[in-house]
Amino acid sequence: MMETSENSTTTTTTISTRSTILDLESLSKKYDTLLIQYNQVQADYINSLNNKNKLTTIQGSIYWGSGKLADTTNTKIRTLNECSALCSKTTGCTGATYNKVDYGEPMCWLRSGDGNVITAGPNNYAIVPITKKYLLTLKSLNSQLTETNNKIMTLIQNNRNDFDTQINERSEYYNLLKKNYDNLESERLNILDKINSFDTLDEAQKTSNLKVNKNYGSYILLMILLFICVFFISKMVIGGINGDSR
């Protein structure tokens, strides 16, 4: 009877460890994908600073800036491109909102000052500088990276027993996770600062890299350590299964 209980406990532990491995693998793949996107958008943002007045569109969003610049609701503005072009050639225009169908005729609102891009219906289009769009994308990816980073930290903490055979690796890995969290938080504040002061961007910002490149090596090391942890846990589980089969 005792042997049956022990076998049951071993099976339960093995299933739990397998679940930990799958969760770690899933989170690591998600983190890796987000990191690639994050660094690509960061590079695009740096490059866009050479042409920071170029406008782009975001469907399903509106942009009101901080004030009204002009009311161009007449039928002369028929398309999204025309609305964007009008903003580009109008002094003081920092962005616009375009809607073709919801008001019975095309609507194009030119705006001045700075403001947030707000989620709206699918027929709305926010017209904003491309650098602002990249900053907003970086903000979103930063949030997702931080969330995934925290989930990995929690998983490691809640399954310490599974990592007993690699205490040094676990400690180094966890410390790196904490460091990455601090880096991401610093970058988040940096991104928010740039978004909030977007209308005062100057030439000095062309050399800004949002600290991502400096921290990229730390992120890569995190992924390597993560794969090492998963590898060792997998070996432990396989070894346990083989031992049970004997």
C-alpha atoms as a PDB file:
ATOM      1  CA  MET A   1       0.000   0.000   0.000  1.00  0.00           C
ATOM      2  CA  MET A   2       2.868   2.333   0.883  1.00  0.00           C
ATOM      3  CA  GLU A   3       4.552   1.644  -2.463  1.00  0.00           C
ATOM      4  CA  THR A   4       1.379   2.587  -4.303  1.00  0.00           C
ATOM      5  CA  SER A   5       1.182   5.874  -2.401  1.00  0.00           C
ATOM      6  CA  GLU A   6       4.821   6.678  -3.201  1.00  0.00           C
ATOM      7  CA  ASN A   7       4.296   5.868  -6.859  1.00  0.00           C
ATOM      8  CA  SER A   8       1.233   8.108  -6.910  1.00  0.00           C
ATOM      9  CA  THR A   9       3.213  10.946  -5.318  1.00  0.00           C
ATOM     10  CA  THR A  10       6.044  10.504  -7.818  1.00  0.00           C
ATOM     11  CA  THR A  11       3.599  10.550 -10.728  1.00  0.00           C
ATOM     12  CA  THR A  12       1.931  13.702  -9.420  1.00  0.00           C
ATOM     13  CA  THR A  13       5.316  15.397  -9.007  1.00  0.00           C
ATOM     14  CA  THR A  14       6.369  14.377 -12.513  1.00  0.00           C
ATOM     15  CA  ILE A  15       3.167  15.767 -14.024  1.00  0.00           C
ATOM     16  CA  SER A  16       3.631  19.023 -12.080  1.00  0.00           C
ATOM     17  CA  THR A  17       7.229  19.340 -13.270  1.00  0.00           C
ATOM     18  CA  ARG A  18       6.206  18.666 -16.859  1.00  0.00           C
ATOM     19  CA  SER A  19       3.634  21.443 -16.529  1.00  0.00           C
ATOM     20  CA  THR A  20       6.341  23.790 -15.232  1.00  0.00           C
ATOM     21  CA  ILE A  21       8.536  22.956 -18.220  1.00  0.00           C
ATOM     22  CA  LEU A  22       5.727  23.619 -20.686  1.00  0.00           C
ATOM     23  CA  ASP A  23       4.864  26.905 -18.998  1.00  0.00           C
ATOM     24  CA  LEU A  24       8.509  28.009 -19.026  1.00  0.00           C
ATOM     25  CA  GLU A  25       8.905  27.060 -22.676  1.00  0.00           C
ATOM     26  CA  SER A  26       5.738  28.921 -23.604  1.00  0.00           C
ATOM     27  CA  LEU A  27       6.733  32.032 -21.672  1.00  0.00           C
ATOM     28  CA  SER A  28      10.282  31.952 -23.032  1.00  0.00           C
ATOM     29  CA  LYS A  29       9.041  31.783 -26.632  1.00  0.00           C
ATOM     30  CA  LYS A  30       6.652  34.650 -25.985  1.00  0.00           C
ATOM     31  CA  TYR A  31       9.418  36.689 -24.338  1.00  0.00           C
ATOM     32  CA  ASP A  32      11.788  36.012 -27.226  1.00  0.00           C
ATOM     33  CA  THR A  33       9.191  37.045 -29.817  1.00  0.00           C
ATOM     34  CA  LEU A  34       8.343  40.232 -27.928  1.00  0.00           C
ATOM     35  CA  LEU A  35      12.021  41.056 -27.515  1.00  0.00           C
ATOM     36  CA  ILE A  36      12.646  40.751 -31.260  1.00  0.00           C
ATOM     37  CA  GLN A  37       9.669  43.024 -31.961  1.00  0.00           C
ATOM     38  CA  TYR A  38      10.763  45.460 -29.252  1.00  0.00           C
ATOM     39  CA  ASN A  39      14.266  45.886 -30.657  1.00  0.00           C
ATOM     40  CA  GLN A  40      13.006  46.159 -34.244  1.00  0.00           C
ATOM     41  CA  VAL A  41      10.533  48.908 -33.355  1.00  0.00           C
ATOM     42  CA  GLN A  42      13.228  50.637 -31.305  1.00  0.00           C
ATOM     43  CA  ALA A  43      15.523  50.613 -34.354  1.00  0.00           C
ATOM     44  CA  ASP A  44      12.675  51.907 -36.538  1.00  0.00           C
ATOM     45  CA  TYR A  45      12.062  54.676 -34.016  1.00  0.00           C
ATOM     46  CA  ILE A  46      15.709  55.768 -34.098  1.00  0.00           C
ATOM     47  CA  ASN A  47      15.685  55.810 -37.905  1.00  0.00           C
ATOM     48  CA  SER A  48      12.404  57.748 -37.994  1.00  0.00           C
ATOM     49  CA  LEU A  49      13.941  60.622 -36.042  1.00  0.00           C
ATOM     50  CA  ASN A  50      15.645  61.677 -39.265  1.00  0.00           C
ATOM     51  CA  ASN A  51      12.177  62.294 -40.706  1.00  0.00           C
ATOM     52  CA  LYS A  52      10.125  62.902 -37.587  1.00  0.00           C
ATOM     53  CA  ASN A  53       7.531  65.045 -39.384  1.00  0.00           C
ATOM     54  CA  LYS A  54       6.419  62.157 -41.596  1.00  0.00           C
ATOM     55  CA  LEU A  55       2.828  61.198 -40.822  1.00  0.00           C
ATOM     56  CA  THR A  56       1.305  57.751 -40.561  1.00  0.00           C
ATOM     57  CA  THR A  57      -2.176  56.417 -39.790  1.00  0.00           C
ATOM     58  CA  ILE A  58      -3.590  54.221 -37.035  1.00  0.00           C
ATOM     59  CA  GLN A  59      -6.957  52.608 -37.780  1.00  0.00           C
ATOM     60  CA  GLY A  60      -9.479  52.362 -34.954  1.00  0.00           C
ATOM     61  CA  SER A  61      -8.043  55.390 -33.173  1.00  0.00           C
ATOM     62  CA  ILE A  62      -8.541  59.142 -32.923  1.00  0.00           C
ATOM     63  CA  TYR A  63      -6.174  61.989 -32.170  1.00  0.00           C
ATOM     64  CA  TRP A  64      -7.350  65.320 -30.754  1.00  0.00           C
ATOM     65  CA  GLY A  65      -4.054  66.888 -29.696  1.00  0.00           C
ATOM     66  CA  SER A  66      -4.593  69.711 -27.238  1.00  0.00           C
ATOM     67  CA  GLY A  67      -6.620  72.034 -29.420  1.00  0.00           C
ATOM     68  CA  LYS A  68      -8.497  72.664 -32.637  1.00  0.00           C
ATOM     69  CA  LEU A  69      -6.433  73.891 -35.574  1.00  0.00           C
ATOM     70  CA  ALA A  70      -8.920  73.911 -38.420  1.00  0.00           C
ATOM     71  CA  ASP A  71     -12.297  72.453 -39.282  1.00  0.00           C
ATOM     72  CA  THR A  72     -12.105  70.821 -42.676  1.00  0.00           C
ATOM     73  CA  THR A  73     -15.354  68.931 -42.895  1.00  0.00           C
ATOM     74  CA  ASN A  74     -16.204  70.019 -46.423  1.00  0.00           C
ATOM     75  CA  THR A  75     -16.359  67.605 -49.349  1.00  0.00           C
ATOM     76  CA  LYS A  76     -13.006  68.759 -50.685  1.00  0.00           C
ATOM     77  CA  ILE A  77     -11.345  66.315 -48.286  1.00  0.00           C
ATOM     78  CA  ARG A  78     -12.421  62.979 -49.690  1.00  0.00           C
ATOM     79  CA  THR A  79      -9.732  60.501 -48.685  1.00  0.00           C
ATOM     80  CA  LEU A  80      -7.461  59.581 -45.798  1.00  0.00           C
ATOM     81  CA  ASN A  81      -4.400  60.515 -47.855  1.00  0.00           C
ATOM     82  CA  GLU A  82      -5.853  63.952 -48.587  1.00  0.00           C
ATOM     83  CA  CYS A  83      -6.465  64.541 -44.891  1.00  0.00           C
ATOM     84  CA  SER A  84      -2.914  63.487 -44.071  1.00  0.00           C
ATOM     85  CA  ALA A  85      -1.488  65.671 -46.840  1.00  0.00           C
ATOM     86  CA  LEU A  86      -3.484  68.666 -45.593  1.00  0.00           C
ATOM     87  CA  CYS A  87      -2.061  68.241 -42.100  1.00  0.00           C
ATOM     88  CA  SER A  88       1.469  67.945 -43.499  1.00  0.00           C
ATOM     89  CA  LYS A  89       1.248  71.265 -45.305  1.00  0.00           C
ATOM     90  CA  THR A  90      -0.660  73.138 -42.587  1.00  0.00           C
ATOM     91  CA  THR A  91       1.545  75.045 -40.159  1.00  0.00           C
ATOM     92  CA  GLY A  92       1.003  73.994 -36.553  1.00  0.00           C
ATOM     93  CA  CYS A  93      -0.763  70.709 -37.369  1.00  0.00           C
ATOM     94  CA  THR A  94       0.517  67.956 -35.091  1.00  0.00           C
ATOM     95  CA  GLY A  95      -1.982  65.317 -36.182  1.00  0.00           C
ATOM     96  CA  ALA A  96      -5.519  64.724 -37.350  1.00  0.00           C
ATOM     97  CA  THR A  97      -8.527  62.430 -37.191  1.00  0.00           C
ATOM     98  CA  TYR A  98     -10.282  61.141 -40.308  1.00  0.00           C
ATOM     99  CA  ASN A  99     -13.634  59.387 -40.641  1.00  0.00           C
ATOM    100  CA  LYS A 100     -15.187  58.659 -44.024  1.00  0.00           C
ATOM    101  CA  VAL A 101     -18.602  57.135 -43.271  1.00  0.00           C
ATOM    102  CA  ASP A 102     -19.935  57.754 -39.762  1.00  0.00           C
ATOM    103  CA  TYR A 103     -21.022  61.354 -40.360  1.00  0.00           C
ATOM    104  CA  GLY A 104     -22.625  61.063 -43.780  1.00  0.00           C
ATOM    105  CA  GLU A 105     -19.600  62.601 -45.489  1.00  0.00           C
ATOM    106  CA  PRO A 106     -15.819  62.420 -45.046  1.00  0.00           C
ATOM    107  CA  MET A 107     -14.595  64.290 -41.988  1.00  0.00           C
ATOM    108  CA  CYS A 108     -11.043  65.532 -41.387  1.00  0.00           C
ATOM    109  CA  TRP A 109     -10.171  67.306 -38.154  1.00  0.00           C
ATOM    110  CA  LEU A 110      -6.757  68.977 -37.956  1.00  0.00           C
ATOM    111  CA  ARG A 111      -5.361  69.317 -34.448  1.00  0.00           C
ATOM    112  CA  SER A 112      -2.621  71.303 -32.731  1.00  0.00           C
ATOM    113  CA  GLY A 113      -0.488  70.728 -29.649  1.00  0.00           C
ATOM    114  CA  ASP A 114       0.192  67.336 -28.108  1.00  0.00           C
ATOM    115  CA  GLY A 115      -2.194  64.635 -26.959  1.00  0.00           C
ATOM    116  CA  ASN A 116      -2.862  60.941 -26.685  1.00  0.00           C
ATOM    117  CA  VAL A 117      -3.989  58.535 -29.386  1.00  0.00           C
ATOM    118  CA  ILE A 118      -7.327  57.158 -28.204  1.00  0.00           C
ATOM    119  CA  THR A 119      -8.961  53.881 -29.219  1.00  0.00           C
ATOM    120  CA  ALA A 120     -12.175  54.422 -31.196  1.00  0.00           C
ATOM    121  CA  GLY A 121     -14.421  52.757 -33.787  1.00  0.00           C
ATOM    122  CA  PRO A 122     -12.965  50.965 -36.839  1.00  0.00           C
ATOM    123  CA  ASN A 123     -13.987  53.764 -39.215  1.00  0.00           C
ATOM    124  CA  ASN A 124     -11.754  56.257 -37.413  1.00  0.00           C
ATOM    125  CA  TYR A 125      -8.147  56.919 -38.344  1.00  0.00           C
ATOM    126  CA  ALA A 126      -5.657  58.808 -36.206  1.00  0.00           C
ATOM    127  CA  ILE A 127      -3.062  60.642 -38.288  1.00  0.00           C
ATOM    128  CA  VAL A 128       0.104  61.181 -36.255  1.00  0.00           C
ATOM    129  CA  PRO A 129       3.880  61.549 -36.737  1.00  0.00           C
ATOM    130  CA  ILE A 130       5.437  58.148 -37.358  1.00  0.00           C
ATOM    131  CA  THR A 131       7.804  58.638 -34.419  1.00  0.00           C
ATOM    132  CA  LYS A 132       4.825  58.941 -32.095  1.00  0.00           C
ATOM    133  CA  LYS A 133       3.358  55.704 -33.467  1.00  0.00           C
ATOM    134  CA  TYR A 134       6.641  53.906 -32.774  1.00  0.00           C
ATOM    135  CA  LEU A 135       6.739  55.272 -29.226  1.00  0.00           C
ATOM    136  CA  LEU A 136       3.202  54.051 -28.586  1.00  0.00           C
ATOM    137  CA  THR A 137       4.126  50.610 -29.964  1.00  0.00           C
ATOM    138  CA  LEU A 138       7.218  50.519 -27.740  1.00  0.00           C
ATOM    139  CA  LYS A 139       5.049  51.393 -24.762  1.00  0.00           C
ATOM    140  CA  SER A 140       2.738  48.463 -25.498  1.00  0.00           C
ATOM    141  CA  LEU A 141       5.587  45.988 -26.092  1.00  0.00           C
ATOM    142  CA  ASN A 142       7.363  47.169 -22.955  1.00  0.00           C
ATOM    143  CA  SER A 143       4.232  46.446 -20.944  1.00  0.00           C
ATOM    144  CA  GLN A 144       3.928  42.954 -22.462  1.00  0.00           C
ATOM    145  CA  LEU A 145       7.607  42.202 -21.822  1.00  0.00           C
ATOM    146  CA  THR A 146       7.294  43.317 -18.213  1.00  0.00           C
ATOM    147  CA  GLU A 147       4.195  41.182 -17.709  1.00  0.00           C
ATOM    148  CA  THR A 148       5.894  38.108 -19.209  1.00  0.00           C
ATOM    149  CA  ASN A 149       9.057  38.757 -17.195  1.00  0.00           C
ATOM    150  CA  ASN A 150       6.998  38.859 -13.988  1.00  0.00           C
ATOM    151  CA  LYS A 151       5.178  35.644 -14.881  1.00  0.00           C
ATOM    152  CA  ILE A 152       8.511  33.851 -15.325  1.00  0.00           C
ATOM    153  CA  MET A 153       9.738  35.213 -11.978  1.00  0.00           C
ATOM    154  CA  THR A 154       6.580  34.010 -10.253  1.00  0.00           C
ATOM    155  CA  LEU A 155       6.833  30.587 -11.901  1.00  0.00           C
ATOM    156  CA  ILE A 156      10.423  30.186 -10.721  1.00  0.00           C
ATOM    157  CA  GLN A 157       9.546  31.255  -7.190  1.00  0.00           C
ATOM    158  CA  ASN A 158       6.512  28.993  -6.964  1.00  0.00           C
ATOM    159  CA  ASN A 159       8.399  25.927  -8.240  1.00  0.00           C
ATOM    160  CA  ARG A 160      11.667  26.160  -6.344  1.00  0.00           C
ATOM    161  CA  ASN A 161      11.784  22.421  -5.690  1.00  0.00           C
ATOM    162  CA  ASP A 162      12.001  21.739  -9.411  1.00  0.00           C
ATOM    163  CA  PHE A 163      15.188  23.809  -9.550  1.00  0.00           C
ATOM    164  CA  ASP A 164      16.975  22.284  -6.553  1.00  0.00           C
ATOM    165  CA  THR A 165      19.477  20.485  -8.791  1.00  0.00           C
ATOM    166  CA  GLN A 166      20.667  23.792 -10.283  1.00  0.00           C
ATOM    167  CA  ILE A 167      20.631  26.233  -7.373  1.00  0.00           C
ATOM    168  CA  ASN A 168      23.380  28.458  -8.797  1.00  0.00           C
ATOM    169  CA  GLU A 169      21.699  28.695 -12.205  1.00  0.00           C
ATOM    170  CA  ARG A 170      18.362  29.466 -10.593  1.00  0.00           C
ATOM    171  CA  SER A 171      19.839  32.227  -8.440  1.00  0.00           C
ATOM    172  CA  GLU A 172      21.648  33.811 -11.391  1.00  0.00           C
ATOM    173  CA  TYR A 173      18.584  33.470 -13.576  1.00  0.00           C
ATOM    174  CA  TYR A 174      16.250  35.004 -11.000  1.00  0.00           C
ATOM    175  CA  ASN A 175      18.626  37.910 -10.345  1.00  0.00           C
ATOM    176  CA  LEU A 176      18.779  38.568 -14.069  1.00  0.00           C
ATOM    177  CA  LEU A 177      14.993  38.545 -14.269  1.00  0.00           C
ATOM    178  CA  LYS A 178      14.904  41.156 -11.514  1.00  0.00           C
ATOM    179  CA  LYS A 179      17.505  43.235 -13.341  1.00  0.00           C
ATOM    180  CA  ASN A 180      15.489  43.015 -16.556  1.00  0.00           C
ATOM    181  CA  TYR A 181      12.389  44.134 -14.687  1.00  0.00           C
ATOM    182  CA  ASP A 182      14.276  47.205 -13.449  1.00  0.00           C
ATOM    183  CA  ASN A 183      15.567  47.876 -16.974  1.00  0.00           C
ATOM    184  CA  LEU A 184      12.094  47.583 -18.481  1.00  0.00           C
ATOM    185  CA  GLU A 185      10.679  49.912 -15.840  1.00  0.00           C
ATOM    186  CA  SER A 186      13.394  52.455 -16.591  1.00  0.00           C
ATOM    187  CA  GLU A 187      12.677  52.171 -20.318  1.00  0.00           C
ATOM    188  CA  ARG A 188       8.933  52.495 -19.679  1.00  0.00           C
ATOM    189  CA  LEU A 189       9.468  55.791 -17.875  1.00  0.00           C
ATOM    190  CA  ASN A 190      11.788  56.947 -20.641  1.00  0.00           C
ATOM    191  CA  ILE A 191       9.202  56.114 -23.310  1.00  0.00           C
ATOM    192  CA  LEU A 192       6.430  57.859 -21.365  1.00  0.00           C
ATOM    193  CA  ASP A 193       8.618  60.932 -20.980  1.00  0.00           C
ATOM    194  CA  LYS A 194       9.166  61.056 -24.748  1.00  0.00           C
ATOM    195  CA  ILE A 195       5.452  60.584 -25.444  1.00  0.00           C
ATOM    196  CA  ASN A 196       4.472  63.300 -22.950  1.00  0.00           C
ATOM    197  CA  SER A 197       7.011  65.755 -24.360  1.00  0.00           C
ATOM    198  CA  PHE A 198       6.596  64.721 -27.967  1.00  0.00           C
ATOM    199  CA  ASP A 199       6.087  68.252 -29.281  1.00  0.00           C
ATOM    200  CA  THR A 200       9.523  69.274 -27.942  1.00  0.00           C
ATOM    201  CA  LEU A 201      11.574  66.529 -29.665  1.00  0.00           C
ATOM    202  CA  ASP A 202      14.847  68.003 -30.952  1.00  0.00           C
ATOM    203  CA  GLU A 203      18.016  66.936 -32.746  1.00  0.00           C
ATOM    204  CA  ALA A 204      19.601  65.590 -29.580  1.00  0.00           C
ATOM    205  CA  GLN A 205      17.077  62.786 -29.560  1.00  0.00           C
ATOM    206  CA  LYS A 206      18.492  61.379 -32.778  1.00  0.00           C
ATOM    207  CA  THR A 207      21.232  59.797 -30.692  1.00  0.00           C
ATOM    208  CA  SER A 208      18.793  58.428 -28.128  1.00  0.00           C
ATOM    209  CA  ASN A 209      18.377  54.644 -28.053  1.00  0.00           C
ATOM    210  CA  LEU A 210      15.876  54.308 -25.185  1.00  0.00           C
ATOM    211  CA  LYS A 211      18.566  52.265 -23.397  1.00  0.00           C
ATOM    212  CA  VAL A 212      17.351  49.142 -25.215  1.00  0.00           C
ATOM    213  CA  ASN A 213      20.628  48.389 -27.006  1.00  0.00           C
ATOM    214  CA  LYS A 214      22.541  48.686 -23.740  1.00  0.00           C
ATOM    215  CA  ASN A 215      20.246  46.151 -22.103  1.00  0.00           C
ATOM    216  CA  TYR A 216      19.893  43.817 -25.080  1.00  0.00           C
ATOM    217  CA  GLY A 217      22.835  41.661 -23.966  1.00  0.00           C
ATOM    218  CA  SER A 218      21.137  41.221 -20.599  1.00  0.00           C
ATOM    219  CA  TYR A 219      17.928  40.071 -22.293  1.00  0.00           C
ATOM    220  CA  ILE A 220      19.803  37.577 -24.485  1.00  0.00           C
ATOM    221  CA  LEU A 221      21.624  36.181 -21.445  1.00  0.00           C
ATOM    222  CA  LEU A 222      18.247  35.759 -19.773  1.00  0.00           C
ATOM    223  CA  MET A 223      16.996  33.655 -22.687  1.00  0.00           C
ATOM    224  CA  ILE A 224      20.134  31.472 -22.590  1.00  0.00           C
ATOM    225  CA  LEU A 225      19.734  30.863 -18.864  1.00  0.00           C
ATOM    226  CA  LEU A 226      16.059  30.123 -19.343  1.00  0.00           C
ATOM    227  CA  PHE A 227      16.802  27.429 -21.921  1.00  0.00           C
ATOM    228  CA  ILE A 228      19.463  25.968 -19.605  1.00  0.00           C
ATOM    229  CA  CYS A 229      16.934  25.764 -16.759  1.00  0.00           C
ATOM    230  CA  VAL A 230      14.336  24.104 -18.978  1.00  0.00           C
ATOM    231  CA  PHE A 231      16.969  21.674 -20.287  1.00  0.00           C
ATOM    232  CA  PHE A 232      18.070  20.580 -16.822  1.00  0.00           C
ATOM    233  CA  ILE A 233      14.516  20.218 -15.560  1.00  0.00           C
ATOM    234  CA  SER A 234      13.644  18.158 -18.638  1.00  0.00           C
ATOM    235  CA  LYS A 235      16.600  15.847 -17.962  1.00  0.00           C
ATOM    236  CA  MET A 236      15.491  15.500 -14.369  1.00  0.00           C
ATOM    237  CA  VAL A 237      11.975  14.515 -15.429  1.00  0.00           C
ATOM    238  CA  ILE A 238      13.194  12.073 -18.056  1.00  0.00           C
ATOM    239  CA  GLY A 239      15.569  10.562 -15.528  1.00  0.00           C
ATOM    240  CA  GLY A 240      12.706  10.227 -13.061  1.00  0.00           C
ATOM    241  CA  ILE A 241      10.517   8.528 -15.634  1.00  0.00           C
ATOM    242  CA  ASN A 242      13.265   6.081 -16.592  1.00  0.00           C
ATOM    243  CA  GLY A 243      13.902   5.363 -12.936  1.00  0.00           C
ATOM    244  CA  ASP A 244      10.218   4.674 -12.342  1.00  0.00           C
ATOM    245  CA  SER A 245      10.063   2.314 -15.332  1.00  0.00           C
ATOM    246  CA  ARG A 246      12.736   0.145 -13.782  1.00  0.00           C
END
